[in-house]
Amino acid sequence: MASAACTSGKTGAPAAKPVPATAQETNQVVVGAARTSEYVPLLKGKRIALLSNQTGIVGDKHVLDIMLEHGLQVVTIFSPEHGFRGKADAGEKVASGVDEKTGIPIASLYDGKSPMPSRSTMDKCDVVVIDLQDVGLRFYTYYVTMIHLMDAAAQYGKQVVVLDRPNPNGMTVDGPILDMKLKSGVGYLPIPTVYGMTMGELARMANGEGWLQDGKRVDLTVIPCLNYTHRTRYKLPVAPSPNLPNMLSVYLYPSLCYFEGTTVSLGRGTDFPFQCYGHPDMKGYKFTFTPSSRFGAKTPPQLGKLCHGVDLRGLDPEQVIAAGINLDYVIDAYNNLHRQGKPFLLKEGERNFFNLLMGNTQVYDMIVAGKSAKYIKATWQKDIEKFKAQRKPYLLYKE
């Protein structure tokens, strides 16, 4: 089994073959951060900038503490959306500061100023280490932060080491390829909505395909997981962000996130975000909920209003996984509000937030035209097959 997968900054060609499946896939997954014998020797004597957050744990220890216990020199902590401790709301700006426990400076990459670290910050390190738990969606911002850091590392001649973690949606590839005219902070690479790759695999692909800034390559090493394949059902030990509290929410996320660009609530401000949808003006539903201000959702959509809609908490997770992106929910809510002349989108225009999340403008047009979810899904199948072939050289784990 490969101990590390390297992509040379000089060639951009993947140098490692996929890690084979274990004889028994019930074996416990070992995340990259747990494989200290593989990465501590690589990092000894180097000044390290660590991109991580509350998900960067091994058992009951954070990767930062593990690195410090092994005598590694961490000089900077980079924090993504939601902050290093994972307490900020979605989209909320996160200030830089100092980690209270270790005294190490925290440089926020989600402060509303620039997603790229400054040259002075990069000058302080020799290598950037990335340990983040992704959920495998194009509009989930952690991979975007990783790409920006890879850009900075390529620009300033720094190494990048990714401590890989499983993708809980890694069994699925679905959705339209991003129309790069709609490139944004919630859609940054020409990949499908659900891309079925780990952070390490995606880093390899971005490097190999010339997707970094100005087509540059970075000196990249990925420390793979053990006992993981793309069929593995990996239960996240820590919520990746405040509004993805359980695995059902993670599996429904590919189908419900588009509501963020609409007037419809997907349950932010309740005990079951991303497990329902509703609106004060939707008619014909028995289920109701009222969003309130709380941790992770200070000002949720439809705050304090009684919403009528659909409770998805009783769905079988395996059926949700098998369905992939299910646009029936969005179509249902659109039709209900449209019949009453109520607005659905938060705003119009080609770059409205719904289109940015969807990655193109055609899907919304098809919904308005009355096309079915099955019809819409068929429109991106050829692109999915092309993407699967394109990504294959960069995979580290058996499909």
Protein backbone atom coordinates (compact mmCIF):
# COMPACT_ATOMS: atom_id res chain seq x y z
CA MET A 1 0.00 0.00 0.00
CA ALA A 2 1.39 3.38 -0.96
CA SER A 3 2.61 5.37 2.01
CA ALA A 4 2.44 8.71 0.26
CA ALA A 5 1.22 9.94 -3.08
CA CYS A 6 3.30 12.63 -4.66
CA THR A 7 2.61 14.97 -7.51
CA SER A 8 5.72 16.76 -8.62
CA GLY A 9 5.56 20.49 -9.13
CA LYS A 10 7.83 20.01 -12.13
CA THR A 11 5.78 17.49 -14.06
CA GLY A 12 2.30 17.59 -12.55
CA ALA A 13 2.04 13.84 -13.28
CA PRO A 14 0.54 11.60 -10.59
CA ALA A 15 3.26 9.34 -9.22
CA ALA A 16 1.17 6.97 -7.11
CA LYS A 17 -1.26 4.24 -8.03
CA PRO A 18 -4.61 3.98 -6.24
CA VAL A 19 -4.41 2.53 -2.74
CA PRO A 20 -5.98 -0.93 -3.10
CA ALA A 21 -9.07 -1.93 -1.16
CA THR A 22 -8.45 -3.97 1.96
CA ALA A 23 -9.60 -7.56 2.15
CA GLN A 24 -12.27 -6.55 4.63
CA GLU A 25 -13.75 -3.12 4.08
CA THR A 26 -15.16 -3.19 7.59
CA ASN A 27 -11.66 -2.40 8.86
CA GLN A 28 -11.54 0.96 10.56
CA VAL A 29 -10.52 3.84 8.34
CA VAL A 30 -7.19 5.42 9.28
CA VAL A 31 -7.06 9.07 8.30
CA GLY A 32 -3.90 10.70 6.98
CA ALA A 33 -3.39 12.74 10.14
CA ALA A 34 -3.11 9.49 12.15
CA ARG A 35 -0.19 8.27 10.02
CA THR A 36 2.51 10.22 11.82
CA SER A 37 5.27 7.85 10.70
CA GLU A 38 4.56 8.93 7.12
CA TYR A 39 4.47 12.71 7.52
CA VAL A 40 6.47 13.64 10.64
CA PRO A 41 9.80 12.77 8.92
CA LEU A 42 8.76 14.92 5.93
CA LEU A 43 8.09 17.91 8.18
CA LYS A 44 10.92 17.71 10.72
CA GLY A 45 13.00 20.87 10.78
CA LYS A 46 10.58 22.80 8.57
CA ARG A 47 8.43 25.80 9.43
CA ILE A 48 4.83 24.69 9.04
CA ALA A 49 1.64 26.59 8.23
CA LEU A 50 -1.36 24.42 9.09
CA LEU A 51 -4.79 24.77 7.47
CA SER A 52 -7.30 23.00 9.68
CA ASN A 53 -10.36 23.47 11.89
CA GLN A 54 -12.43 21.52 14.42
CA THR A 55 -12.57 18.52 12.06
CA GLY A 56 -8.81 17.96 12.14
CA ILE A 57 -8.91 15.32 14.86
CA VAL A 58 -7.55 11.84 15.43
CA GLY A 59 -9.51 10.20 18.22
CA ASP A 60 -9.66 12.85 20.92
CA LYS A 61 -6.61 14.79 19.75
CA HIS A 62 -6.35 17.62 17.26
CA VAL A 63 -3.79 17.35 14.49
CA LEU A 64 -2.16 20.56 15.77
CA ASP A 65 -1.51 18.97 19.16
CA ILE A 66 -0.23 15.79 17.51
CA MET A 67 2.21 17.78 15.41
CA LEU A 68 3.46 19.75 18.41
CA GLU A 69 3.86 16.56 20.46
CA HIS A 70 6.13 15.22 17.71
CA GLY A 71 8.32 18.30 17.90
CA LEU A 72 7.13 19.87 14.66
CA GLN A 73 7.39 23.63 14.30
CA VAL A 74 3.96 25.06 13.49
CA VAL A 75 4.39 28.80 12.97
CA THR A 76 0.99 29.72 11.51
CA ILE A 77 -2.56 28.37 11.60
CA PHE A 78 -4.76 29.08 8.56
CA SER A 79 -8.50 29.04 9.25
CA PRO A 80 -11.27 28.46 6.66
CA GLU A 81 -14.98 29.35 6.66
CA HIS A 82 -16.52 28.85 10.14
CA GLY A 83 -13.12 29.54 11.75
CA PHE A 84 -10.44 27.36 13.34
CA ARG A 85 -12.84 26.21 16.06
CA GLY A 86 -15.82 25.91 13.67
CA LYS A 87 -18.10 28.33 15.51
CA ALA A 88 -18.89 30.98 12.86
CA ASP A 89 -22.05 31.00 10.74
CA ALA A 90 -22.02 30.10 7.06
CA GLY A 91 -20.59 33.03 5.13
CA GLU A 92 -19.70 34.93 8.31
CA LYS A 93 -16.35 36.73 8.14
CA VAL A 94 -13.73 35.26 10.43
CA ALA A 95 -11.08 37.49 11.95
CA SER A 96 -7.43 36.56 12.33
CA GLY A 97 -6.07 36.19 15.84
CA VAL A 98 -4.14 33.85 18.13
CA ASP A 99 -4.97 30.30 19.16
CA GLU A 100 -5.73 30.49 22.87
CA LYS A 101 -4.35 27.04 23.65
CA THR A 102 -1.01 27.21 21.83
CA GLY A 103 -0.39 30.92 21.25
CA ILE A 104 0.20 30.27 17.55
CA PRO A 105 -1.00 33.10 15.25
CA ILE A 106 -4.16 32.37 13.24
CA ALA A 107 -4.36 33.84 9.75
CA SER A 108 -7.96 33.78 8.54
CA LEU A 109 -8.54 32.90 4.90
CA TYR A 110 -12.21 33.83 5.26
CA ASP A 111 -11.96 37.40 6.56
CA GLY A 112 -13.67 39.06 3.59
CA LYS A 113 -10.43 40.69 2.45
CA SER A 114 -8.52 38.15 0.38
CA PRO A 115 -8.73 34.34 0.17
CA MET A 116 -4.97 34.32 -0.45
CA PRO A 117 -2.52 34.66 2.45
CA SER A 118 -0.14 37.61 2.33
CA ARG A 119 3.44 37.27 1.19
CA SER A 120 4.67 38.14 4.67
CA THR A 121 2.66 35.23 6.09
CA MET A 122 3.91 32.83 3.44
CA ASP A 123 7.51 33.96 3.99
CA LYS A 124 7.31 32.61 7.53
CA CYS A 125 6.74 29.00 6.43
CA ASP A 126 8.45 26.33 4.34
CA VAL A 127 5.52 23.98 3.94
CA VAL A 128 1.72 24.20 4.06
CA VAL A 129 -0.06 21.25 5.70
CA ILE A 130 -3.79 20.80 4.99
CA ASP A 131 -6.07 18.70 7.19
CA LEU A 132 -9.76 19.46 6.64
CA GLN A 133 -12.81 17.22 6.58
CA ASP A 134 -14.58 17.90 3.29
CA VAL A 135 -18.07 16.66 2.36
CA GLY A 136 -17.48 16.42 -1.39
CA LEU A 137 -19.70 19.17 -2.76
CA ARG A 138 -18.59 21.85 -5.24
CA PHE A 139 -20.30 24.59 -3.23
CA TYR A 140 -18.69 23.54 0.08
CA THR A 141 -15.91 26.07 0.53
CA TYR A 142 -13.12 24.07 2.18
CA TYR A 143 -11.67 22.81 -1.11
CA VAL A 144 -11.73 26.37 -2.49
CA THR A 145 -9.61 27.50 0.46
CA MET A 146 -7.24 24.61 -0.24
CA ILE A 147 -6.88 25.66 -3.88
CA HIS A 148 -6.12 29.26 -2.89
CA LEU A 149 -3.42 28.00 -0.55
CA MET A 150 -1.98 25.81 -3.28
CA ASP A 151 -1.93 28.90 -5.51
CA ALA A 152 0.00 30.80 -2.86
CA ALA A 153 2.39 27.90 -2.33
CA ALA A 154 3.06 27.68 -6.07
CA GLN A 155 3.63 31.43 -6.26
CA TYR A 156 6.08 31.53 -3.34
CA GLY A 157 7.78 28.18 -3.85
CA LYS A 158 6.40 26.33 -0.81
CA GLN A 159 5.63 22.64 -0.41
CA VAL A 160 2.09 21.39 0.21
CA VAL A 161 1.23 18.28 2.22
CA VAL A 162 -2.41 17.11 2.38
CA LEU A 163 -3.34 14.79 5.23
CA ASP A 164 -6.23 13.07 3.52
CA ARG A 165 -9.64 12.25 4.98
CA PRO A 166 -12.54 10.25 3.50
CA ASN A 167 -15.25 11.95 1.51
CA PRO A 168 -18.61 10.96 3.05
CA ASN A 169 -20.21 11.55 -0.36
CA GLY A 170 -17.31 9.89 -2.15
CA MET A 171 -19.49 7.13 -3.57
CA THR A 172 -21.38 9.63 -5.77
CA VAL A 173 -20.56 11.66 -8.88
CA ASP A 174 -23.52 13.78 -9.95
CA GLY A 175 -24.64 17.19 -11.13
CA PRO A 176 -23.63 19.55 -13.91
CA ILE A 177 -20.02 20.55 -14.50
CA LEU A 178 -19.47 24.14 -13.39
CA ASP A 179 -19.89 26.68 -16.18
CA MET A 180 -16.75 28.71 -15.44
CA LYS A 181 -18.61 31.92 -16.31
CA LEU A 182 -20.28 31.33 -12.95
CA LYS A 183 -17.03 30.79 -11.06
CA SER A 184 -17.39 32.01 -7.48
CA GLY A 185 -16.60 31.20 -3.88
CA VAL A 186 -19.26 28.46 -4.04
CA GLY A 187 -18.03 27.01 -7.32
CA TYR A 188 -14.38 27.29 -8.22
CA LEU A 189 -13.26 24.37 -10.40
CA PRO A 190 -14.72 22.72 -13.54
CA ILE A 191 -16.08 19.77 -11.59
CA PRO A 192 -19.58 18.33 -11.01
CA THR A 193 -21.66 19.32 -8.01
CA VAL A 194 -20.85 16.00 -6.31
CA TYR A 195 -17.36 15.08 -7.47
CA GLY A 196 -16.64 11.86 -5.57
CA MET A 197 -13.06 12.69 -4.61
CA THR A 198 -11.21 13.29 -1.37
CA MET A 199 -9.36 16.54 -0.74
CA GLY A 200 -6.11 14.78 -1.53
CA GLU A 201 -7.40 13.42 -4.81
CA LEU A 202 -8.86 16.78 -5.79
CA ALA A 203 -5.58 18.52 -4.96
CA ARG A 204 -3.78 16.06 -7.25
CA MET A 205 -6.29 16.72 -10.02
CA ALA A 206 -6.08 20.51 -9.70
CA ASN A 207 -2.30 20.26 -9.84
CA GLY A 208 -2.19 17.80 -12.73
CA GLU A 209 -4.87 19.48 -14.84
CA GLY A 210 -3.28 22.93 -14.61
CA TRP A 211 -6.19 24.39 -12.64
CA LEU A 212 -3.99 26.39 -10.31
CA GLN A 213 -3.41 30.08 -10.97
CA ASP A 214 -1.61 30.69 -14.28
CA GLY A 215 -1.41 26.92 -14.78
CA LYS A 216 1.37 26.61 -12.19
CA ARG A 217 2.25 23.38 -10.41
CA VAL A 218 3.00 22.96 -6.74
CA ASP A 219 5.27 20.49 -4.93
CA LEU A 220 2.46 18.30 -3.56
CA THR A 221 2.46 15.27 -1.27
CA VAL A 222 -0.72 13.49 -0.17
CA ILE A 223 -0.75 11.18 2.84
CA PRO A 224 -3.61 8.79 1.98
CA CYS A 225 -6.12 7.17 4.29
CA LEU A 226 -5.95 3.44 4.93
CA ASN A 227 -8.87 0.99 4.70
CA TYR A 228 -10.95 3.44 2.64
CA THR A 229 -12.55 3.06 -0.78
CA HIS A 230 -15.10 5.23 -2.55
CA ARG A 231 -17.76 2.73 -1.48
CA THR A 232 -16.97 3.15 2.22
CA ARG A 233 -19.74 4.59 4.38
CA TYR A 234 -17.65 6.88 6.56
CA LYS A 235 -19.42 8.40 9.56
CA LEU A 236 -17.98 11.79 10.38
CA PRO A 237 -16.70 11.93 13.98
CA VAL A 238 -17.20 15.71 14.14
CA ALA A 239 -19.77 17.92 12.40
CA PRO A 240 -17.92 19.53 9.47
CA SER A 241 -19.88 22.76 9.93
CA PRO A 242 -22.65 23.94 12.29
CA ASN A 243 -25.57 23.15 9.97
CA LEU A 244 -24.52 19.63 8.96
CA PRO A 245 -25.20 17.94 12.32
CA ASN A 246 -25.58 14.31 11.19
CA MET A 247 -25.03 11.97 8.26
CA LEU A 248 -28.54 12.35 6.84
CA SER A 249 -27.94 16.10 6.50
CA VAL A 250 -24.63 15.39 4.75
CA TYR A 251 -26.35 13.01 2.30
CA LEU A 252 -29.24 15.44 1.64
CA TYR A 253 -26.91 18.42 1.23
CA PRO A 254 -26.40 17.83 -2.54
CA SER A 255 -30.18 18.07 -3.08
CA LEU A 256 -31.15 20.83 -0.64
CA CYS A 257 -28.37 23.41 -0.76
CA TYR A 258 -29.94 25.14 -3.80
CA PHE A 259 -32.62 26.47 -1.44
CA GLU A 260 -29.93 28.84 -0.13
CA GLY A 261 -30.50 30.88 -3.28
CA THR A 262 -34.28 30.98 -2.77
CA THR A 263 -36.87 32.27 -0.32
CA VAL A 264 -37.41 28.72 0.96
CA SER A 265 -35.94 27.63 4.30
CA LEU A 266 -34.03 24.35 4.48
CA GLY A 267 -34.22 24.27 8.24
CA ARG A 268 -31.42 26.58 9.34
CA GLY A 269 -32.37 27.77 12.80
CA THR A 270 -33.98 24.43 13.73
CA ASP A 271 -32.70 21.18 15.24
CA PHE A 272 -32.78 19.59 11.78
CA PRO A 273 -31.06 21.82 9.20
CA PHE A 274 -30.72 20.28 5.71
CA GLN A 275 -33.38 17.73 6.64
CA CYS A 276 -36.52 19.65 5.68
CA TYR A 277 -37.74 22.54 3.55
CA GLY A 278 -40.59 24.99 3.85
CA HIS A 279 -41.91 28.54 3.50
CA PRO A 280 -44.60 30.63 5.24
CA ASP A 281 -46.62 30.82 2.00
CA MET A 282 -46.35 27.19 0.88
CA LYS A 283 -49.76 25.50 0.92
CA GLY A 284 -51.00 21.94 1.41
CA TYR A 285 -48.43 20.64 3.91
CA LYS A 286 -49.06 19.34 7.43
CA PHE A 287 -45.46 19.66 8.62
CA THR A 288 -44.45 23.04 10.09
CA PHE A 289 -41.34 24.54 11.68
CA THR A 290 -40.24 27.98 12.87
CA PRO A 291 -36.57 29.00 12.41
CA SER A 292 -35.01 30.70 15.43
CA SER A 293 -31.69 32.39 16.13
CA ARG A 294 -29.15 29.93 17.51
CA PHE A 295 -25.56 28.73 17.31
CA GLY A 296 -24.53 28.44 13.67
CA ALA A 297 -27.66 30.27 12.48
CA LYS A 298 -27.87 33.70 14.04
CA THR A 299 -30.17 35.12 11.35
CA PRO A 300 -31.59 32.15 9.43
CA PRO A 301 -33.97 32.60 6.47
CA GLN A 302 -37.61 33.07 7.54
CA LEU A 303 -36.49 33.83 11.11
CA GLY A 304 -39.41 33.61 13.52
CA LYS A 305 -41.94 32.71 10.80
CA LEU A 306 -44.07 29.58 10.75
CA CYS A 307 -43.03 27.61 7.67
CA HIS A 308 -45.10 24.90 5.99
CA GLY A 309 -43.28 22.18 4.13
CA VAL A 310 -41.74 18.72 4.08
CA ASP A 311 -39.97 16.76 6.81
CA LEU A 312 -37.22 14.56 5.36
CA ARG A 313 -35.90 13.11 8.62
CA GLY A 314 -37.60 9.77 8.06
CA LEU A 315 -35.78 9.02 4.81
CA ASP A 316 -33.54 5.97 4.55
CA PRO A 317 -29.94 7.24 4.19
CA GLU A 318 -29.11 4.50 1.66
CA GLN A 319 -32.03 5.58 -0.53
CA VAL A 320 -30.86 9.19 -0.30
CA ILE A 321 -27.36 8.12 -1.37
CA ALA A 322 -28.73 6.05 -4.26
CA ALA A 323 -30.82 8.98 -5.52
CA GLY A 324 -27.84 11.33 -5.76
CA ILE A 325 -29.00 14.84 -6.53
CA ASN A 326 -32.79 14.85 -6.21
CA LEU A 327 -34.33 18.01 -7.64
CA ASP A 328 -37.88 16.92 -6.77
CA TYR A 329 -37.67 18.97 -3.57
CA VAL A 330 -36.70 22.18 -5.36
CA ILE A 331 -39.27 21.60 -8.10
CA ASP A 332 -42.00 20.95 -5.52
CA ALA A 333 -41.29 24.19 -3.64
CA TYR A 334 -40.96 26.22 -6.85
CA ASN A 335 -44.29 24.96 -8.21
CA ASN A 336 -46.09 25.59 -4.93
CA LEU A 337 -44.93 29.19 -4.63
CA HIS A 338 -45.26 29.91 -8.35
CA ARG A 339 -48.93 28.91 -8.35
CA GLN A 340 -49.54 31.60 -5.77
CA GLY A 341 -47.46 34.25 -7.48
CA LYS A 342 -44.89 34.25 -4.67
CA PRO A 343 -41.19 34.85 -5.38
CA PHE A 344 -38.90 31.84 -5.37
CA LEU A 345 -35.44 33.22 -6.14
CA LEU A 346 -33.83 35.67 -3.74
CA LYS A 347 -32.84 37.76 -6.74
CA GLU A 348 -32.88 37.50 -10.51
CA GLY A 349 -30.02 37.78 -13.00
CA GLU A 350 -27.61 35.27 -14.50
CA ARG A 351 -25.35 35.26 -11.43
CA ASN A 352 -28.11 34.85 -8.88
CA PHE A 353 -27.14 32.63 -5.96
CA PHE A 354 -29.26 29.70 -7.14
CA ASN A 355 -27.37 29.61 -10.44
CA LEU A 356 -24.01 29.97 -8.69
CA LEU A 357 -24.83 26.97 -6.50
CA MET A 358 -26.19 24.97 -9.44
CA GLY A 359 -23.20 25.84 -11.58
CA ASN A 360 -25.18 26.80 -14.66
CA THR A 361 -28.25 28.75 -15.79
CA GLN A 362 -29.99 25.98 -17.72
CA VAL A 363 -31.28 24.02 -14.74
CA TYR A 364 -33.41 26.85 -13.39
CA ASP A 365 -34.75 27.54 -16.88
CA MET A 366 -35.76 23.87 -17.15
CA ILE A 367 -37.51 24.01 -13.77
CA VAL A 368 -39.47 27.07 -14.90
CA ALA A 369 -40.33 25.24 -18.14
CA GLY A 370 -41.86 22.39 -16.14
CA LYS A 371 -39.24 19.73 -16.84
CA SER A 372 -39.05 16.80 -14.43
CA ALA A 373 -36.16 16.05 -12.11
CA LYS A 374 -35.45 12.90 -14.15
CA TYR A 375 -35.32 14.89 -17.40
CA ILE A 376 -32.97 17.51 -15.91
CA LYS A 377 -30.68 14.88 -14.43
CA ALA A 378 -30.31 13.23 -17.82
CA THR A 379 -28.89 16.45 -19.30
CA TRP A 380 -25.61 16.17 -17.41
CA GLN A 381 -24.93 12.42 -17.68
CA LYS A 382 -22.50 12.66 -20.61
CA ASP A 383 -20.47 15.29 -18.78
CA ILE A 384 -20.36 13.04 -15.72
CA GLU A 385 -18.89 10.18 -17.74
CA LYS A 386 -16.26 12.49 -19.23
CA PHE A 387 -15.35 13.76 -15.77
CA LYS A 388 -15.01 10.25 -14.37
CA ALA A 389 -12.51 9.43 -17.11
CA GLN A 390 -10.67 12.72 -16.53
CA ARG A 391 -10.34 12.18 -12.77
CA LYS A 392 -9.30 8.53 -12.93
CA PRO A 393 -5.50 9.11 -13.01
CA TYR A 394 -5.72 11.12 -9.81
CA LEU A 395 -7.71 8.68 -7.68
CA LEU A 396 -5.94 7.19 -4.66
CA TYR A 397 -8.69 4.79 -3.63
CA LYS A 398 -10.64 2.05 -5.36
CA GLU A 399 -14.00 3.13 -6.81
